[in-house]
Amino acid sequence: MTTRKLTVRETVPASRKLGAADARKLLAGMKTLVVARGKKSDSFDLKGGITDEMVEAMLGPTGNLRAPTLKVGKTVLVGFGEGAWEEILG
């Protein structure tokens, strides 16, 4: 994170499980959701509201929010995918 000059404002330990309700809260007031899984990524426009599909994409098989999760401006980036990170974080 330091090489990209990002400031971490909050770190949540893995022992604190975040579920669907927490995912919805993260999306409040945001414009875009990008969910990365390896080389594949999905982008969602939040202008029309938050859908169950968006929330499900943010969750892993256990029903917990996938890591890492970042808020960058008005974009929420969930999961790691090098291409998505390069596009969002430059």
PDB file of N, CA and C in Angstrom:
ATOM      1  N   MET A   1       0.821  -1.195   0.000  1.00  0.00           N
ATOM      2  CA  MET A   1       0.000   0.000   0.000  1.00  0.00           C
ATOM      3  C   MET A   1       0.866   1.260   0.000  1.00  0.00           C
ATOM      4  N   THR A   2       2.013   1.180   0.647  1.00  0.00           N
ATOM      5  CA  THR A   2       2.848   2.374   0.715  1.00  0.00           C
ATOM      6  C   THR A   2       3.436   2.730  -0.644  1.00  0.00           C
ATOM      7  N   THR A   3       3.701   1.735  -1.501  1.00  0.00           N
ATOM      8  CA  THR A   3       4.255   2.050  -2.813  1.00  0.00           C
ATOM      9  C   THR A   3       3.241   2.780  -3.678  1.00  0.00           C
ATOM     10  N   ARG A   4       1.963   2.633  -3.388  1.00  0.00           N
ATOM     11  CA  ARG A   4       0.912   3.320  -4.138  1.00  0.00           C
ATOM     12  C   ARG A   4       0.453   4.587  -3.414  1.00  0.00           C
ATOM     13  N   LYS A   5       1.094   4.907  -2.308  1.00  0.00           N
ATOM     14  CA  LYS A   5       0.789   6.090  -1.517  1.00  0.00           C
ATOM     15  C   LYS A   5      -0.675   6.111  -1.061  1.00  0.00           C
ATOM     16  N   LEU A   6      -1.143   4.955  -0.567  1.00  0.00           N
ATOM     17  CA  LEU A   6      -2.494   4.838  -0.033  1.00  0.00           C
ATOM     18  C   LEU A   6      -2.434   4.925   1.475  1.00  0.00           C
ATOM     19  N   THR A   7      -3.462   5.491   2.058  1.00  0.00           N
ATOM     20  CA  THR A   7      -3.554   5.582   3.502  1.00  0.00           C
ATOM     21  C   THR A   7      -4.625   4.612   3.986  1.00  0.00           C
ATOM     22  N   VAL A   8      -4.244   3.734   4.894  1.00  0.00           N
ATOM     23  CA  VAL A   8      -5.196   2.796   5.469  1.00  0.00           C
ATOM     24  C   VAL A   8      -5.889   3.500   6.624  1.00  0.00           C
ATOM     25  N   ARG A   9      -7.198   3.625   6.517  1.00  0.00           N
ATOM     26  CA  ARG A   9      -7.957   4.318   7.564  1.00  0.00           C
ATOM     27  C   ARG A   9      -8.531   3.364   8.590  1.00  0.00           C
ATOM     28  N   GLU A  10      -8.786   2.132   8.157  1.00  0.00           N
ATOM     29  CA  GLU A  10      -9.343   1.146   9.078  1.00  0.00           C
ATOM     30  C   GLU A  10      -8.898  -0.245   8.654  1.00  0.00           C
ATOM     31  N   THR A  11      -8.474  -1.024   9.609  1.00  0.00           N
ATOM     32  CA  THR A  11      -8.125  -2.415   9.367  1.00  0.00           C
ATOM     33  C   THR A  11      -9.036  -3.262  10.238  1.00  0.00           C
ATOM     34  N   VAL A  12      -9.660  -4.251   9.628  1.00  0.00           N
ATOM     35  CA  VAL A  12     -10.567  -5.131  10.361  1.00  0.00           C
ATOM     36  C   VAL A  12      -9.906  -6.501  10.459  1.00  0.00           C
ATOM     37  N   PRO A  13      -9.716  -7.028  11.669  1.00  0.00           N
ATOM     38  CA  PRO A  13      -9.081  -8.336  11.800  1.00  0.00           C
ATOM     39  C   PRO A  13      -9.955  -9.448  11.204  1.00  0.00           C
ATOM     40  N   ALA A  14      -9.315 -10.485  10.709  1.00  0.00           N
ATOM     41  CA  ALA A  14     -10.041 -11.605  10.098  1.00  0.00           C
ATOM     42  C   ALA A  14     -10.976 -12.291  11.084  1.00  0.00           C
ATOM     43  N   SER A  15     -10.701 -12.156  12.364  1.00  0.00           N
ATOM     44  CA  SER A  15     -11.562 -12.784  13.370  1.00  0.00           C
ATOM     45  C   SER A  15     -12.936 -12.111  13.453  1.00  0.00           C
ATOM     46  N   ARG A  16     -13.023 -10.885  12.970  1.00  0.00           N
ATOM     47  CA  ARG A  16     -14.309 -10.177  12.932  1.00  0.00           C
ATOM     48  C   ARG A  16     -14.976 -10.468  11.596  1.00  0.00           C
ATOM     49  N   LYS A  17     -16.001 -11.262  11.628  1.00  0.00           N
ATOM     50  CA  LYS A  17     -16.680 -11.692  10.410  1.00  0.00           C
ATOM     51  C   LYS A  17     -17.670 -10.625   9.952  1.00  0.00           C
ATOM     52  N   LEU A  18     -17.568 -10.250   8.679  1.00  0.00           N
ATOM     53  CA  LEU A  18     -18.471  -9.267   8.092  1.00  0.00           C
ATOM     54  C   LEU A  18     -19.343  -9.980   7.070  1.00  0.00           C
ATOM     55  N   GLY A  19     -20.643  -9.826   7.192  1.00  0.00           N
ATOM     56  CA  GLY A  19     -21.585 -10.521   6.318  1.00  0.00           C
ATOM     57  C   GLY A  19     -22.290  -9.604   5.344  1.00  0.00           C
ATOM     58  N   ALA A  20     -23.444 -10.054   4.870  1.00  0.00           N
ATOM     59  CA  ALA A  20     -24.207  -9.338   3.844  1.00  0.00           C
ATOM     60  C   ALA A  20     -24.630  -7.942   4.311  1.00  0.00           C
ATOM     61  N   ALA A  21     -25.066  -7.813   5.544  1.00  0.00           N
ATOM     62  CA  ALA A  21     -25.494  -6.502   6.048  1.00  0.00           C
ATOM     63  C   ALA A  21     -24.325  -5.520   6.049  1.00  0.00           C
ATOM     64  N   ASP A  22     -23.149  -6.006   6.423  1.00  0.00           N
ATOM     65  CA  ASP A  22     -21.953  -5.157   6.430  1.00  0.00           C
ATOM     66  C   ASP A  22     -21.570  -4.763   5.003  1.00  0.00           C
ATOM     67  N   ALA A  23     -21.712  -5.702   4.065  1.00  0.00           N
ATOM     68  CA  ALA A  23     -21.406  -5.423   2.659  1.00  0.00           C
ATOM     69  C   ALA A  23     -22.309  -4.311   2.135  1.00  0.00           C
ATOM     70  N   ARG A  24     -23.594  -4.386   2.460  1.00  0.00           N
ATOM     71  CA  ARG A  24     -24.537  -3.341   2.038  1.00  0.00           C
ATOM     72  C   ARG A  24     -24.140  -1.978   2.605  1.00  0.00           C
ATOM     73  N   LYS A  25     -23.710  -1.955   3.858  1.00  0.00           N
ATOM     74  CA  LYS A  25     -23.293  -0.694   4.480  1.00  0.00           C
ATOM     75  C   LYS A  25     -22.076  -0.103   3.766  1.00  0.00           C
ATOM     76  N   LEU A  26     -21.150  -0.974   3.353  1.00  0.00           N
ATOM     77  CA  LEU A  26     -19.964  -0.504   2.637  1.00  0.00           C
ATOM     78  C   LEU A  26     -20.318   0.161   1.312  1.00  0.00           C
ATOM     79  N   LEU A  27     -21.394  -0.303   0.685  1.00  0.00           N
ATOM     80  CA  LEU A  27     -21.792   0.227  -0.620  1.00  0.00           C
ATOM     81  C   LEU A  27     -22.581   1.530  -0.533  1.00  0.00           C
ATOM     82  N   ALA A  28     -23.085   1.857   0.643  1.00  0.00           N
ATOM     83  CA  ALA A  28     -23.882   3.073   0.801  1.00  0.00           C
ATOM     84  C   ALA A  28     -23.068   4.305   0.399  1.00  0.00           C
ATOM     85  N   GLY A  29     -23.635   5.104  -0.493  1.00  0.00           N
ATOM     86  CA  GLY A  29     -22.998   6.338  -0.930  1.00  0.00           C
ATOM     87  C   GLY A  29     -21.909   6.165  -1.976  1.00  0.00           C
ATOM     88  N   MET A  30     -21.668   4.937  -2.409  1.00  0.00           N
ATOM     89  CA  MET A  30     -20.632   4.674  -3.406  1.00  0.00           C
ATOM     90  C   MET A  30     -21.243   4.655  -4.805  1.00  0.00           C
ATOM     91  N   LYS A  31     -20.410   4.773  -5.832  1.00  0.00           N
ATOM     92  CA  LYS A  31     -20.889   4.804  -7.217  1.00  0.00           C
ATOM     93  C   LYS A  31     -20.613   3.513  -7.978  1.00  0.00           C
ATOM     94  N   THR A  32     -19.493   2.842  -7.646  1.00  0.00           N
ATOM     95  CA  THR A  32     -19.081   1.667  -8.402  1.00  0.00           C
ATOM     96  C   THR A  32     -18.577   0.570  -7.467  1.00  0.00           C
ATOM     97  N   LEU A  33     -18.891  -0.665  -7.818  1.00  0.00           N
ATOM     98  CA  LEU A  33     -18.368  -1.842  -7.131  1.00  0.00           C
ATOM     99  C   LEU A  33     -17.590  -2.652  -8.144  1.00  0.00           C
ATOM    100  N   VAL A  34     -16.356  -2.993  -7.813  1.00  0.00           N
ATOM    101  CA  VAL A  34     -15.542  -3.870  -8.653  1.00  0.00           C
ATOM    102  C   VAL A  34     -15.180  -5.076  -7.806  1.00  0.00           C
ATOM    103  N   VAL A  35     -15.548  -6.262  -8.292  1.00  0.00           N
ATOM    104  CA  VAL A  35     -15.241  -7.509  -7.593  1.00  0.00           C
ATOM    105  C   VAL A  35     -14.236  -8.274  -8.438  1.00  0.00           C
ATOM    106  N   ALA A  36     -13.052  -8.495  -7.887  1.00  0.00           N
ATOM    107  CA  ALA A  36     -11.974  -9.167  -8.608  1.00  0.00           C
ATOM    108  C   ALA A  36     -11.776 -10.576  -8.067  1.00  0.00           C
ATOM    109  N   ARG A  37     -11.575 -11.494  -9.011  1.00  0.00           N
ATOM    110  CA  ARG A  37     -11.256 -12.883  -8.668  1.00  0.00           C
ATOM    111  C   ARG A  37     -10.185 -13.333  -9.657  1.00  0.00           C
ATOM    112  N   GLY A  38      -8.931 -13.199  -9.251  1.00  0.00           N
ATOM    113  CA  GLY A  38      -7.841 -13.549 -10.157  1.00  0.00           C
ATOM    114  C   GLY A  38      -7.829 -12.633 -11.355  1.00  0.00           C
ATOM    115  N   LYS A  39      -7.832 -13.211 -12.550  1.00  0.00           N
ATOM    116  CA  LYS A  39      -7.786 -12.400 -13.769  1.00  0.00           C
ATOM    117  C   LYS A  39      -9.158 -11.876 -14.173  1.00  0.00           C
ATOM    118  N   LYS A  40     -10.215 -12.382 -13.549  1.00  0.00           N
ATOM    119  CA  LYS A  40     -11.577 -11.974 -13.879  1.00  0.00           C
ATOM    120  C   LYS A  40     -12.053 -10.903 -12.900  1.00  0.00           C
ATOM    121  N   SER A  41     -12.784  -9.928 -13.416  1.00  0.00           N
ATOM    122  CA  SER A  41     -13.388  -8.937 -12.524  1.00  0.00           C
ATOM    123  C   SER A  41     -14.752  -8.540 -13.072  1.00  0.00           C
ATOM    124  N   ASP A  42     -15.640  -8.215 -12.165  1.00  0.00           N
ATOM    125  CA  ASP A  42     -16.978  -7.747 -12.514  1.00  0.00           C
ATOM    126  C   ASP A  42     -17.156  -6.356 -11.948  1.00  0.00           C
ATOM    127  N   SER A  43     -17.757  -5.483 -12.739  1.00  0.00           N
ATOM    128  CA  SER A  43     -17.999  -4.114 -12.317  1.00  0.00           C
ATOM    129  C   SER A  43     -19.503  -3.870 -12.265  1.00  0.00           C
ATOM    130  N   PHE A  44     -19.941  -3.211 -11.210  1.00  0.00           N
ATOM    131  CA  PHE A  44     -21.359  -2.924 -11.011  1.00  0.00           C
ATOM    132  C   PHE A  44     -21.543  -1.424 -10.816  1.00  0.00           C
ATOM    133  N   ASP A  45     -22.543  -0.863 -11.477  1.00  0.00           N
ATOM    134  CA  ASP A  45     -22.912   0.543 -11.323  1.00  0.00           C
ATOM    135  C   ASP A  45     -23.950   0.607 -10.207  1.00  0.00           C
ATOM    136  N   LEU A  46     -23.670   1.381  -9.183  1.00  0.00           N
ATOM    137  CA  LEU A  46     -24.547   1.447  -8.020  1.00  0.00           C
ATOM    138  C   LEU A  46     -25.616   2.530  -8.115  1.00  0.00           C
ATOM    139  N   LYS A  47     -25.685   3.233  -9.242  1.00  0.00           N
ATOM    140  CA  LYS A  47     -26.655   4.323  -9.391  1.00  0.00           C
ATOM    141  C   LYS A  47     -28.096   3.845  -9.230  1.00  0.00           C
ATOM    142  N   GLY A  48     -28.376   2.644  -9.697  1.00  0.00           N
ATOM    143  CA  GLY A  48     -29.730   2.110  -9.626  1.00  0.00           C
ATOM    144  C   GLY A  48     -30.060   1.445  -8.302  1.00  0.00           C
ATOM    145  N   GLY A  49     -29.136   1.467  -7.375  1.00  0.00           N
ATOM    146  CA  GLY A  49     -29.361   0.843  -6.076  1.00  0.00           C
ATOM    147  C   GLY A  49     -28.513  -0.410  -5.909  1.00  0.00           C
ATOM    148  N   ILE A  50     -28.556  -0.941  -4.711  1.00  0.00           N
ATOM    149  CA  ILE A  50     -27.769  -2.118  -4.349  1.00  0.00           C
ATOM    150  C   ILE A  50     -28.644  -3.356  -4.499  1.00  0.00           C
ATOM    151  N   THR A  51     -28.172  -4.314  -5.288  1.00  0.00           N
ATOM    152  CA  THR A  51     -28.941  -5.534  -5.522  1.00  0.00           C
ATOM    153  C   THR A  51     -28.345  -6.705  -4.745  1.00  0.00           C
ATOM    154  N   ASP A  52     -29.137  -7.768  -4.613  1.00  0.00           N
ATOM    155  CA  ASP A  52     -28.653  -8.984  -3.968  1.00  0.00           C
ATOM    156  C   ASP A  52     -27.474  -9.571  -4.736  1.00  0.00           C
ATOM    157  N   GLU A  53     -27.497  -9.451  -6.066  1.00  0.00           N
ATOM    158  CA  GLU A  53     -26.402  -9.968  -6.904  1.00  0.00           C
ATOM    159  C   GLU A  53     -25.082  -9.290  -6.536  1.00  0.00           C
ATOM    160  N   MET A  54     -25.124  -7.984  -6.323  1.00  0.00           N
ATOM    161  CA  MET A  54     -23.919  -7.241  -5.959  1.00  0.00           C
ATOM    162  C   MET A  54     -23.379  -7.716  -4.615  1.00  0.00           C
ATOM    163  N   VAL A  55     -24.270  -7.838  -3.653  1.00  0.00           N
ATOM    164  CA  VAL A  55     -23.863  -8.253  -2.315  1.00  0.00           C
ATOM    165  C   VAL A  55     -23.304  -9.672  -2.356  1.00  0.00           C
ATOM    166  N   GLU A  56     -23.958 -10.577  -3.058  1.00  0.00           N
ATOM    167  CA  GLU A  56     -23.483 -11.960  -3.159  1.00  0.00           C
ATOM    168  C   GLU A  56     -22.102 -12.028  -3.797  1.00  0.00           C
ATOM    169  N   ALA A  57     -21.827 -11.158  -4.772  1.00  0.00           N
ATOM    170  CA  ALA A  57     -20.525 -11.141  -5.424  1.00  0.00           C
ATOM    171  C   ALA A  57     -19.421 -10.738  -4.446  1.00  0.00           C
ATOM    172  N   MET A  58     -19.772  -9.960  -3.430  1.00  0.00           N
ATOM    173  CA  MET A  58     -18.804  -9.498  -2.443  1.00  0.00           C
ATOM    174  C   MET A  58     -18.475 -10.547  -1.390  1.00  0.00           C
ATOM    175  N   LEU A  59     -19.313 -11.565  -1.279  1.00  0.00           N
ATOM    176  CA  LEU A  59     -19.165 -12.557  -0.222  1.00  0.00           C
ATOM    177  C   LEU A  59     -18.473 -13.815  -0.722  1.00  0.00           C
ATOM    178  N   GLY A  60     -17.708 -14.428   0.168  1.00  0.00           N
ATOM    179  CA  GLY A  60     -17.054 -15.685  -0.144  1.00  0.00           C
ATOM    180  C   GLY A  60     -17.988 -16.854   0.121  1.00  0.00           C
ATOM    181  N   PRO A  61     -17.501 -18.093  -0.039  1.00  0.00           N
ATOM    182  CA  PRO A  61     -18.339 -19.279   0.135  1.00  0.00           C
ATOM    183  C   PRO A  61     -18.882 -19.455   1.559  1.00  0.00           C
ATOM    184  N   THR A  62     -18.234 -18.841   2.538  1.00  0.00           N
ATOM    185  CA  THR A  62     -18.704 -18.945   3.921  1.00  0.00           C
ATOM    186  C   THR A  62     -19.733 -17.873   4.262  1.00  0.00           C
ATOM    187  N   GLY A  63     -19.985 -16.952   3.320  1.00  0.00           N
ATOM    188  CA  GLY A  63     -20.942 -15.880   3.572  1.00  0.00           C
ATOM    189  C   GLY A  63     -20.315 -14.644   4.184  1.00  0.00           C
ATOM    190  N   ASN A  64     -19.001 -14.638   4.282  1.00  0.00           N
ATOM    191  CA  ASN A  64     -18.289 -13.486   4.833  1.00  0.00           C
ATOM    192  C   ASN A  64     -17.716 -12.632   3.709  1.00  0.00           C
ATOM    193  N   LEU A  65     -17.553 -11.342   3.985  1.00  0.00           N
ATOM    194  CA  LEU A  65     -16.976 -10.410   3.028  1.00  0.00           C
ATOM    195  C   LEU A  65     -15.592 -10.891   2.615  1.00  0.00           C
ATOM    196  N   ARG A  66     -15.349 -10.896   1.297  1.00  0.00           N
ATOM    197  CA  ARG A  66     -14.062 -11.327   0.779  1.00  0.00           C
ATOM    198  C   ARG A  66     -13.005 -10.265   1.055  1.00  0.00           C
ATOM    199  N   ALA A  67     -11.779 -10.719   1.166  1.00  0.00           N
ATOM    200  CA  ALA A  67     -10.662  -9.817   1.426  1.00  0.00           C
ATOM    201  C   ALA A  67      -9.699  -9.861   0.257  1.00  0.00           C
ATOM    202  N   PRO A  68      -8.973  -8.806   0.041  1.00  0.00           N
ATOM    203  CA  PRO A  68      -9.087  -7.504   0.688  1.00  0.00           C
ATOM    204  C   PRO A  68     -10.275  -6.713   0.127  1.00  0.00           C
ATOM    205  N   THR A  69     -10.731  -5.770   0.905  1.00  0.00           N
ATOM    206  CA  THR A  69     -11.794  -4.863   0.479  1.00  0.00           C
ATOM    207  C   THR A  69     -11.292  -3.444   0.699  1.00  0.00           C
ATOM    208  N   LEU A  70     -11.375  -2.639  -0.348  1.00  0.00           N
ATOM    209  CA  LEU A  70     -10.902  -1.261  -0.274  1.00  0.00           C
ATOM    210  C   LEU A  70     -11.966  -0.305  -0.774  1.00  0.00           C
ATOM    211  N   LYS A  71     -11.991   0.870  -0.189  1.00  0.00           N
ATOM    212  CA  LYS A  71     -12.788   1.974  -0.701  1.00  0.00           C
ATOM    213  C   LYS A  71     -11.793   2.976  -1.273  1.00  0.00           C
ATOM    214  N   VAL A  72     -11.942   3.259  -2.558  1.00  0.00           N
ATOM    215  CA  VAL A  72     -11.054   4.203  -3.236  1.00  0.00           C
ATOM    216  C   VAL A  72     -11.945   5.247  -3.885  1.00  0.00           C
ATOM    217  N   GLY A  73     -11.981   6.424  -3.304  1.00  0.00           N
ATOM    218  CA  GLY A  73     -12.911   7.444  -3.789  1.00  0.00           C
ATOM    219  C   GLY A  73     -14.331   6.940  -3.628  1.00  0.00           C
ATOM    220  N   LYS A  74     -15.082   6.879  -4.715  1.00  0.00           N
ATOM    221  CA  LYS A  74     -16.463   6.396  -4.692  1.00  0.00           C
ATOM    222  C   LYS A  74     -16.569   4.979  -5.256  1.00  0.00           C
ATOM    223  N   THR A  75     -15.432   4.246  -5.240  1.00  0.00           N
ATOM    224  CA  THR A  75     -15.387   2.876  -5.740  1.00  0.00           C
ATOM    225  C   THR A  75     -15.050   1.922  -4.615  1.00  0.00           C
ATOM    226  N   VAL A  76     -15.764   0.795  -4.556  1.00  0.00           N
ATOM    227  CA  VAL A  76     -15.437  -0.280  -3.620  1.00  0.00           C
ATOM    228  C   VAL A  76     -14.791  -1.378  -4.443  1.00  0.00           C
ATOM    229  N   LEU A  77     -13.612  -1.819  -4.026  1.00  0.00           N
ATOM    230  CA  LEU A  77     -12.864  -2.874  -4.701  1.00  0.00           C
ATOM    231  C   LEU A  77     -12.781  -4.063  -3.754  1.00  0.00           C
ATOM    232  N   VAL A  78     -13.325  -5.203  -4.186  1.00  0.00           N
ATOM    233  CA  VAL A  78     -13.367  -6.402  -3.352  1.00  0.00           C
ATOM    234  C   VAL A  78     -12.577  -7.511  -4.019  1.00  0.00           C
ATOM    235  N   GLY A  79     -11.702  -8.158  -3.253  1.00  0.00           N
ATOM    236  CA  GLY A  79     -10.911  -9.258  -3.779  1.00  0.00           C
ATOM    237  C   GLY A  79      -9.661  -8.752  -4.471  1.00  0.00           C
ATOM    238  N   PHE A  80      -8.804  -9.699  -4.848  1.00  0.00           N
ATOM    239  CA  PHE A  80      -7.567  -9.309  -5.514  1.00  0.00           C
ATOM    240  C   PHE A  80      -7.536  -9.825  -6.940  1.00  0.00           C
ATOM    241  N   GLY A  81      -7.250  -8.932  -7.827  1.00  0.00           N
ATOM    242  CA  GLY A  81      -7.003  -9.236  -9.232  1.00  0.00           C
ATOM    243  C   GLY A  81      -6.068  -8.158  -9.728  1.00  0.00           C
ATOM    244  N   GLU A  82      -4.905  -8.533 -10.181  1.00  0.00           N
ATOM    245  CA  GLU A  82      -3.883  -7.549 -10.535  1.00  0.00           C
ATOM    246  C   GLU A  82      -4.385  -6.519 -11.542  1.00  0.00           C
ATOM    247  N   GLY A  83      -5.125  -6.965 -12.559  1.00  0.00           N
ATOM    248  CA  GLY A  83      -5.641  -6.037 -13.566  1.00  0.00           C
ATOM    249  C   GLY A  83      -6.597  -5.021 -12.981  1.00  0.00           C
ATOM    250  N   ALA A  84      -7.517  -5.481 -12.131  1.00  0.00           N
ATOM    251  CA  ALA A  84      -8.483  -4.575 -11.500  1.00  0.00           C
ATOM    252  C   ALA A  84      -7.779  -3.591 -10.578  1.00  0.00           C
ATOM    253  N   TRP A  85      -6.792  -4.075  -9.828  1.00  0.00           N
ATOM    254  CA  TRP A  85      -6.055  -3.194  -8.935  1.00  0.00           C
ATOM    255  C   TRP A  85      -5.309  -2.126  -9.720  1.00  0.00           C
ATOM    256  N   GLU A  86      -4.667  -2.524 -10.809  1.00  0.00           N
ATOM    257  CA  GLU A  86      -3.938  -1.555 -11.644  1.00  0.00           C
ATOM    258  C   GLU A  86      -4.883  -0.501 -12.207  1.00  0.00           C
ATOM    259  N   GLU A  87      -6.045  -0.939 -12.648  1.00  0.00           N
ATOM    260  CA  GLU A  87      -7.020  -0.012 -13.232  1.00  0.00           C
ATOM    261  C   GLU A  87      -7.541   0.983 -12.205  1.00  0.00           C
ATOM    262  N   ILE A  88      -7.868   0.503 -11.017  1.00  0.00           N
ATOM    263  CA  ILE A  88      -8.447   1.362  -9.969  1.00  0.00           C
ATOM    264  C   ILE A  88      -7.382   2.185  -9.260  1.00  0.00           C
ATOM    265  N   LEU A  89      -6.265   1.544  -8.917  1.00  0.00           N
ATOM    266  CA  LEU A  89      -5.250   2.203  -8.099  1.00  0.00           C
ATOM    267  C   LEU A  89      -4.156   2.876  -8.902  1.00  0.00           C
ATOM    268  N   GLY A  90      -4.072   2.526 -10.188  1.00  0.00           N
ATOM    269  CA  GLY A  90      -3.074   3.137 -11.065  1.00  0.00           C
ATOM    270  C   GLY A  90      -1.722   2.717 -10.708  1.00  0.00           C
TER     271      GLY A  90
END
